Amino acid sequence: MPRLSNTCRGMTLLEVLVAFVVLSLAMAVIMQIFSGGMRNGRLAGTYSRAVFLAQSRLAAAGVEQPLAVGEGSGQAGDDLRWRVTVAPYDDGGAADRLLLPARLYQVRVRVGWSEEGRERQIELSSLRLGPRS
């Protein structure tokens, strides 16, 4: 009867178990990376929508309605909330000294939302030339 060499033997039960443990650990790491990528993609999409909304509200300030000191707010969709704040800009009295018919206003747009139990927000700010009040 021919004798089998050591290289022809099958794997032992211990070797199979170690291979399954290594495979399961590798799969757990891969699934964690995949779910993190999906979460980050969703978060990036929400940030993009928030920035687009903030830019839109900033562009509308002084165009849709006359520029006036105050606040306005609203909601876009189910998740994004926005607030526009218009305040006089402190130019050190330059507009008064030069007797300019207009003045600078600081327009701030803040967009906020909740995601995964955390409050998130972005803010854009710009200076606009408006009528002297």
N, C-alpha and C. Protein backbone atom coordinates (compact mmCIF):
# COMPACT_ATOMS: atom_id res chain seq x y z
N MET A 1 0.83 -1.16 0.00
CA MET A 1 0.00 0.00 0.00
C MET A 1 0.89 1.24 0.00
N PRO A 2 0.61 2.19 -0.97
CA PRO A 2 1.46 3.37 -1.02
C PRO A 2 1.17 4.30 0.15
N ARG A 3 2.20 4.91 0.55
CA ARG A 3 2.10 5.82 1.68
C ARG A 3 1.96 7.26 1.16
N LEU A 4 1.03 8.08 1.75
CA LEU A 4 0.81 9.48 1.35
C LEU A 4 1.84 10.37 2.03
N SER A 5 2.33 11.31 1.29
CA SER A 5 3.27 12.25 1.89
C SER A 5 2.51 13.31 2.68
N ASN A 6 3.22 14.10 3.45
CA ASN A 6 2.60 15.13 4.28
C ASN A 6 1.92 16.21 3.44
N THR A 7 2.36 16.48 2.22
CA THR A 7 1.77 17.53 1.39
C THR A 7 0.43 17.12 0.82
N CYS A 8 0.11 15.86 0.81
CA CYS A 8 -1.16 15.39 0.25
C CYS A 8 -2.26 15.29 1.28
N ARG A 9 -1.93 15.47 2.53
CA ARG A 9 -2.96 15.36 3.56
C ARG A 9 -3.94 16.52 3.46
N GLY A 10 -5.13 16.35 3.96
CA GLY A 10 -6.13 17.41 4.00
C GLY A 10 -5.87 18.36 5.16
N MET A 11 -6.72 19.37 5.26
CA MET A 11 -6.58 20.34 6.34
C MET A 11 -7.18 19.77 7.61
N THR A 12 -6.60 20.11 8.72
CA THR A 12 -7.14 19.66 9.99
C THR A 12 -8.32 20.56 10.39
N LEU A 13 -9.08 20.13 11.33
CA LEU A 13 -10.23 20.89 11.80
C LEU A 13 -9.77 22.23 12.40
N LEU A 14 -8.67 22.25 13.08
CA LEU A 14 -8.15 23.48 13.67
C LEU A 14 -7.78 24.48 12.58
N GLU A 15 -7.19 24.03 11.51
CA GLU A 15 -6.83 24.92 10.40
C GLU A 15 -8.08 25.51 9.73
N VAL A 16 -9.11 24.70 9.59
CA VAL A 16 -10.37 25.18 9.01
C VAL A 16 -11.00 26.22 9.92
N LEU A 17 -11.00 25.99 11.21
CA LEU A 17 -11.58 26.96 12.14
C LEU A 17 -10.81 28.28 12.12
N VAL A 18 -9.49 28.22 12.09
CA VAL A 18 -8.68 29.44 12.03
C VAL A 18 -8.97 30.19 10.73
N ALA A 19 -9.11 29.48 9.63
CA ALA A 19 -9.42 30.13 8.35
C ALA A 19 -10.78 30.83 8.41
N PHE A 20 -11.79 30.19 9.03
CA PHE A 20 -13.11 30.82 9.16
C PHE A 20 -13.06 32.05 10.06
N VAL A 21 -12.28 32.01 11.12
CA VAL A 21 -12.15 33.16 12.01
C VAL A 21 -11.50 34.33 11.27
N VAL A 22 -10.43 34.05 10.54
CA VAL A 22 -9.77 35.09 9.77
C VAL A 22 -10.72 35.67 8.72
N LEU A 23 -11.45 34.80 8.03
CA LEU A 23 -12.42 35.25 7.02
C LEU A 23 -13.52 36.11 7.64
N SER A 24 -14.03 35.70 8.80
CA SER A 24 -15.12 36.47 9.43
C SER A 24 -14.60 37.83 9.92
N LEU A 25 -13.38 37.91 10.42
CA LEU A 25 -12.82 39.20 10.82
C LEU A 25 -12.62 40.11 9.62
N ALA A 26 -12.14 39.55 8.54
CA ALA A 26 -11.95 40.35 7.33
C ALA A 26 -13.29 40.86 6.80
N MET A 27 -14.31 40.02 6.82
CA MET A 27 -15.64 40.44 6.36
C MET A 27 -16.23 41.52 7.26
N ALA A 28 -16.01 41.42 8.57
CA ALA A 28 -16.51 42.45 9.50
C ALA A 28 -15.85 43.80 9.20
N VAL A 29 -14.56 43.80 8.94
CA VAL A 29 -13.86 45.05 8.62
C VAL A 29 -14.37 45.61 7.29
N ILE A 30 -14.55 44.78 6.31
CA ILE A 30 -15.05 45.23 5.00
C ILE A 30 -16.46 45.81 5.14
N MET A 31 -17.33 45.18 5.90
CA MET A 31 -18.69 45.70 6.10
C MET A 31 -18.66 47.03 6.84
N GLN A 32 -17.76 47.18 7.81
CA GLN A 32 -17.64 48.45 8.55
C GLN A 32 -17.20 49.57 7.61
N ILE A 33 -16.24 49.29 6.75
CA ILE A 33 -15.77 50.29 5.78
C ILE A 33 -16.88 50.65 4.81
N PHE A 34 -17.61 49.67 4.33
CA PHE A 34 -18.71 49.91 3.40
C PHE A 34 -19.81 50.76 4.02
N SER A 35 -20.22 50.43 5.26
CA SER A 35 -21.29 51.20 5.90
C SER A 35 -20.82 52.62 6.23
N GLY A 36 -19.54 52.78 6.59
CA GLY A 36 -19.00 54.12 6.83
C GLY A 36 -19.00 54.95 5.56
N GLY A 37 -18.66 54.33 4.44
CA GLY A 37 -18.69 55.03 3.16
C GLY A 37 -20.09 55.46 2.78
N MET A 38 -21.07 54.60 3.02
CA MET A 38 -22.46 54.95 2.72
C MET A 38 -22.93 56.11 3.61
N ARG A 39 -22.57 56.08 4.87
CA ARG A 39 -22.95 57.14 5.80
C ARG A 39 -22.31 58.47 5.38
N ASN A 40 -21.03 58.43 5.03
CA ASN A 40 -20.35 59.64 4.60
C ASN A 40 -20.92 60.18 3.29
N GLY A 41 -21.31 59.29 2.40
CA GLY A 41 -21.94 59.73 1.15
C GLY A 41 -23.27 60.43 1.40
N ARG A 42 -24.06 59.88 2.30
CA ARG A 42 -25.35 60.49 2.65
C ARG A 42 -25.13 61.86 3.31
N LEU A 43 -24.14 61.95 4.20
CA LEU A 43 -23.84 63.21 4.88
C LEU A 43 -23.35 64.26 3.87
N ALA A 44 -22.52 63.85 2.93
CA ALA A 44 -22.03 64.79 1.90
C ALA A 44 -23.19 65.29 1.04
N GLY A 45 -24.14 64.43 0.74
CA GLY A 45 -25.31 64.86 -0.03
C GLY A 45 -26.14 65.88 0.72
N THR A 46 -26.32 65.69 2.02
CA THR A 46 -27.08 66.64 2.82
C THR A 46 -26.34 67.97 2.93
N TYR A 47 -25.02 67.92 3.12
CA TYR A 47 -24.24 69.16 3.15
C TYR A 47 -24.36 69.91 1.82
N SER A 48 -24.33 69.19 0.71
CA SER A 48 -24.46 69.84 -0.60
C SER A 48 -25.81 70.54 -0.73
N ARG A 49 -26.88 69.87 -0.30
CA ARG A 49 -28.21 70.49 -0.35
C ARG A 49 -28.27 71.72 0.55
N ALA A 50 -27.65 71.64 1.73
CA ALA A 50 -27.66 72.77 2.67
C ALA A 50 -26.88 73.96 2.10
N VAL A 51 -25.74 73.71 1.48
CA VAL A 51 -24.96 74.80 0.90
C VAL A 51 -25.72 75.43 -0.26
N PHE A 52 -26.35 74.60 -1.09
CA PHE A 52 -27.14 75.13 -2.20
C PHE A 52 -28.28 76.01 -1.70
N LEU A 53 -28.98 75.56 -0.65
CA LEU A 53 -30.07 76.35 -0.07
C LEU A 53 -29.53 77.66 0.51
N ALA A 54 -28.41 77.61 1.22
CA ALA A 54 -27.84 78.83 1.81
C ALA A 54 -27.42 79.81 0.71
N GLN A 55 -26.80 79.33 -0.35
CA GLN A 55 -26.42 80.20 -1.46
C GLN A 55 -27.65 80.82 -2.10
N SER A 56 -28.70 80.04 -2.24
CA SER A 56 -29.94 80.54 -2.84
C SER A 56 -30.56 81.64 -2.00
N ARG A 57 -30.63 81.42 -0.67
CA ARG A 57 -31.22 82.43 0.22
C ARG A 57 -30.33 83.68 0.28
N LEU A 58 -29.02 83.51 0.21
CA LEU A 58 -28.10 84.64 0.21
C LEU A 58 -28.25 85.46 -1.07
N ALA A 59 -28.42 84.79 -2.20
CA ALA A 59 -28.59 85.49 -3.47
C ALA A 59 -29.94 86.22 -3.51
N ALA A 60 -30.94 85.71 -2.83
CA ALA A 60 -32.27 86.32 -2.84
C ALA A 60 -32.36 87.54 -1.93
N ALA A 61 -31.42 87.67 -0.98
CA ALA A 61 -31.47 88.80 -0.04
C ALA A 61 -31.26 90.11 -0.79
N GLY A 62 -32.24 91.00 -0.66
CA GLY A 62 -32.18 92.30 -1.31
C GLY A 62 -32.69 92.28 -2.74
N VAL A 63 -33.03 91.11 -3.27
CA VAL A 63 -33.54 90.99 -4.63
C VAL A 63 -35.04 90.71 -4.60
N GLU A 64 -35.45 89.69 -3.86
CA GLU A 64 -36.86 89.35 -3.76
C GLU A 64 -37.64 90.38 -2.93
N GLN A 65 -36.99 90.91 -1.92
CA GLN A 65 -37.56 91.95 -1.07
C GLN A 65 -36.49 92.98 -0.80
N PRO A 66 -36.87 94.22 -0.53
CA PRO A 66 -35.85 95.23 -0.23
C PRO A 66 -35.03 94.83 1.00
N LEU A 67 -33.77 95.18 0.98
CA LEU A 67 -32.86 94.85 2.09
C LEU A 67 -33.26 95.67 3.31
N ALA A 68 -33.59 95.01 4.39
CA ALA A 68 -34.00 95.69 5.63
C ALA A 68 -33.46 94.90 6.81
N VAL A 69 -33.12 95.61 7.86
CA VAL A 69 -32.60 94.98 9.07
C VAL A 69 -33.68 94.07 9.65
N GLY A 70 -33.31 92.86 10.00
CA GLY A 70 -34.25 91.92 10.59
C GLY A 70 -33.87 90.48 10.30
N GLU A 71 -34.82 89.59 10.59
CA GLU A 71 -34.60 88.16 10.39
C GLU A 71 -35.76 87.56 9.65
N GLY A 72 -35.48 86.49 8.95
CA GLY A 72 -36.50 85.69 8.29
C GLY A 72 -36.09 84.24 8.38
N SER A 73 -37.06 83.35 8.40
CA SER A 73 -36.72 81.94 8.50
C SER A 73 -37.74 81.11 7.75
N GLY A 74 -37.40 79.86 7.57
CA GLY A 74 -38.29 78.95 6.87
C GLY A 74 -37.73 77.54 6.89
N GLN A 75 -38.38 76.68 6.15
CA GLN A 75 -37.98 75.29 6.09
C GLN A 75 -38.04 74.82 4.65
N ALA A 76 -37.06 74.02 4.26
CA ALA A 76 -37.01 73.44 2.92
C ALA A 76 -37.08 71.92 3.07
N GLY A 77 -38.14 71.36 2.57
CA GLY A 77 -38.32 69.91 2.74
C GLY A 77 -38.64 69.58 4.17
N ASP A 78 -38.37 68.34 4.53
CA ASP A 78 -38.66 67.89 5.89
C ASP A 78 -37.50 68.11 6.85
N ASP A 79 -36.30 68.35 6.30
CA ASP A 79 -35.15 68.32 7.19
C ASP A 79 -34.35 69.61 7.29
N LEU A 80 -34.35 70.47 6.29
CA LEU A 80 -33.49 71.66 6.32
C LEU A 80 -34.27 72.89 6.81
N ARG A 81 -33.69 73.56 7.82
CA ARG A 81 -34.26 74.80 8.35
C ARG A 81 -33.28 75.93 8.04
N TRP A 82 -33.78 77.09 7.62
CA TRP A 82 -32.90 78.20 7.30
C TRP A 82 -33.32 79.46 8.04
N ARG A 83 -32.34 80.33 8.29
CA ARG A 83 -32.58 81.62 8.93
C ARG A 83 -31.68 82.65 8.26
N VAL A 84 -32.28 83.76 7.82
CA VAL A 84 -31.54 84.86 7.21
C VAL A 84 -31.55 86.03 8.18
N THR A 85 -30.38 86.57 8.48
CA THR A 85 -30.26 87.71 9.38
C THR A 85 -29.58 88.85 8.63
N VAL A 86 -30.21 90.03 8.63
CA VAL A 86 -29.65 91.23 8.01
C VAL A 86 -29.39 92.23 9.11
N ALA A 87 -28.14 92.71 9.20
CA ALA A 87 -27.75 93.68 10.23
C ALA A 87 -26.88 94.75 9.58
N PRO A 88 -26.93 95.98 10.10
CA PRO A 88 -26.04 97.02 9.57
C PRO A 88 -24.58 96.62 9.79
N TYR A 89 -23.75 96.87 8.82
CA TYR A 89 -22.33 96.56 8.93
C TYR A 89 -21.60 97.76 9.51
N ASP A 90 -20.77 97.49 10.48
CA ASP A 90 -20.01 98.57 11.13
C ASP A 90 -18.81 98.92 10.26
N ASP A 91 -18.94 100.01 9.51
CA ASP A 91 -17.85 100.46 8.63
C ASP A 91 -17.03 101.57 9.27
N GLY A 92 -17.19 101.76 10.57
CA GLY A 92 -16.43 102.79 11.27
C GLY A 92 -16.91 104.20 10.97
N GLY A 93 -18.13 104.34 10.47
CA GLY A 93 -18.68 105.66 10.17
C GLY A 93 -18.26 106.22 8.83
N ALA A 94 -17.66 105.40 7.97
CA ALA A 94 -17.19 105.88 6.66
C ALA A 94 -18.35 106.35 5.79
N ALA A 95 -19.48 105.65 5.83
CA ALA A 95 -20.63 106.05 5.00
C ALA A 95 -21.17 107.40 5.45
N ASP A 96 -21.15 107.68 6.74
CA ASP A 96 -21.63 108.97 7.25
C ASP A 96 -20.67 110.11 6.88
N ARG A 97 -19.37 109.85 7.00
CA ARG A 97 -18.37 110.89 6.68
C ARG A 97 -18.39 111.24 5.19
N LEU A 98 -18.65 110.23 4.35
CA LEU A 98 -18.64 110.47 2.90
C LEU A 98 -20.02 110.86 2.37
N LEU A 99 -21.02 110.92 3.26
CA LEU A 99 -22.39 111.26 2.89
C LEU A 99 -22.92 110.40 1.75
N LEU A 100 -22.67 109.09 1.87
CA LEU A 100 -23.13 108.16 0.85
C LEU A 100 -24.63 107.92 0.99
N PRO A 101 -25.35 107.77 -0.13
CA PRO A 101 -26.79 107.52 -0.05
C PRO A 101 -27.13 106.05 0.29
N ALA A 102 -26.14 105.22 0.39
CA ALA A 102 -26.35 103.80 0.68
C ALA A 102 -25.45 103.39 1.84
N ARG A 103 -25.69 102.22 2.36
CA ARG A 103 -24.85 101.70 3.44
C ARG A 103 -24.66 100.20 3.26
N LEU A 104 -23.69 99.67 3.96
CA LEU A 104 -23.40 98.24 3.90
C LEU A 104 -24.22 97.49 4.96
N TYR A 105 -24.72 96.33 4.54
CA TYR A 105 -25.43 95.44 5.45
C TYR A 105 -24.74 94.08 5.41
N GLN A 106 -24.67 93.44 6.57
CA GLN A 106 -24.14 92.08 6.62
C GLN A 106 -25.31 91.12 6.59
N VAL A 107 -25.29 90.23 5.61
CA VAL A 107 -26.35 89.23 5.46
C VAL A 107 -25.76 87.87 5.83
N ARG A 108 -26.38 87.20 6.79
CA ARG A 108 -25.95 85.87 7.23
C ARG A 108 -27.08 84.89 6.99
N VAL A 109 -26.73 83.75 6.43
CA VAL A 109 -27.69 82.67 6.22
C VAL A 109 -27.18 81.45 6.96
N ARG A 110 -28.00 80.92 7.83
CA ARG A 110 -27.66 79.72 8.58
C ARG A 110 -28.66 78.63 8.23
N VAL A 111 -28.16 77.47 7.84
CA VAL A 111 -29.01 76.32 7.51
C VAL A 111 -28.65 75.21 8.50
N GLY A 112 -29.67 74.65 9.14
CA GLY A 112 -29.45 73.59 10.12
C GLY A 112 -30.32 72.38 9.85
N TRP A 113 -29.89 71.23 10.36
CA TRP A 113 -30.64 69.99 10.22
C TRP A 113 -30.15 69.00 11.26
N SER A 114 -30.94 67.95 11.47
CA SER A 114 -30.56 66.87 12.39
C SER A 114 -30.23 65.64 11.57
N GLU A 115 -29.13 65.01 11.93
CA GLU A 115 -28.75 63.78 11.24
C GLU A 115 -28.10 62.84 12.24
N GLU A 116 -28.65 61.64 12.34
CA GLU A 116 -28.17 60.62 13.26
C GLU A 116 -28.12 61.13 14.69
N GLY A 117 -29.13 61.91 15.07
CA GLY A 117 -29.22 62.42 16.43
C GLY A 117 -28.32 63.60 16.74
N ARG A 118 -27.63 64.12 15.74
CA ARG A 118 -26.73 65.27 15.96
C ARG A 118 -27.25 66.46 15.17
N GLU A 119 -27.17 67.63 15.80
CA GLU A 119 -27.53 68.87 15.12
C GLU A 119 -26.34 69.34 14.30
N ARG A 120 -26.59 69.65 13.04
CA ARG A 120 -25.53 70.14 12.15
C ARG A 120 -26.00 71.45 11.54
N GLN A 121 -25.04 72.31 11.17
CA GLN A 121 -25.41 73.57 10.54
C GLN A 121 -24.25 74.12 9.73
N ILE A 122 -24.60 74.94 8.76
CA ILE A 122 -23.61 75.69 8.01
C ILE A 122 -24.05 77.15 8.02
N GLU A 123 -23.11 78.05 7.80
CA GLU A 123 -23.44 79.48 7.77
C GLU A 123 -22.64 80.14 6.66
N LEU A 124 -23.32 80.95 5.86
CA LEU A 124 -22.69 81.77 4.83
C LEU A 124 -22.97 83.22 5.17
N SER A 125 -22.03 84.09 4.85
CA SER A 125 -22.16 85.50 5.16
C SER A 125 -21.65 86.33 4.00
N SER A 126 -22.28 87.49 3.79
CA SER A 126 -21.88 88.38 2.70
C SER A 126 -22.23 89.82 3.08
N LEU A 127 -21.59 90.76 2.41
CA LEU A 127 -21.93 92.17 2.58
C LEU A 127 -22.73 92.61 1.37
N ARG A 128 -23.79 93.39 1.62
CA ARG A 128 -24.64 93.89 0.54
C ARG A 128 -24.80 95.39 0.69
N LEU A 129 -24.89 96.06 -0.43
CA LEU A 129 -25.13 97.49 -0.43
C LEU A 129 -26.63 97.72 -0.50
N GLY A 130 -27.16 98.50 0.43
CA GLY A 130 -28.59 98.73 0.48
C GLY A 130 -28.89 100.18 0.82
N PRO A 131 -30.17 100.53 0.85
CA PRO A 131 -30.56 101.91 1.11
C PRO A 131 -30.26 102.30 2.56
N ARG A 132 -29.98 103.55 2.75
CA ARG A 132 -29.77 104.07 4.09
C ARG A 132 -31.14 104.11 4.78
N SER A 133 -31.18 103.63 6.00
CA SER A 133 -32.48 103.60 6.71
C SER A 133 -32.64 104.79 7.61
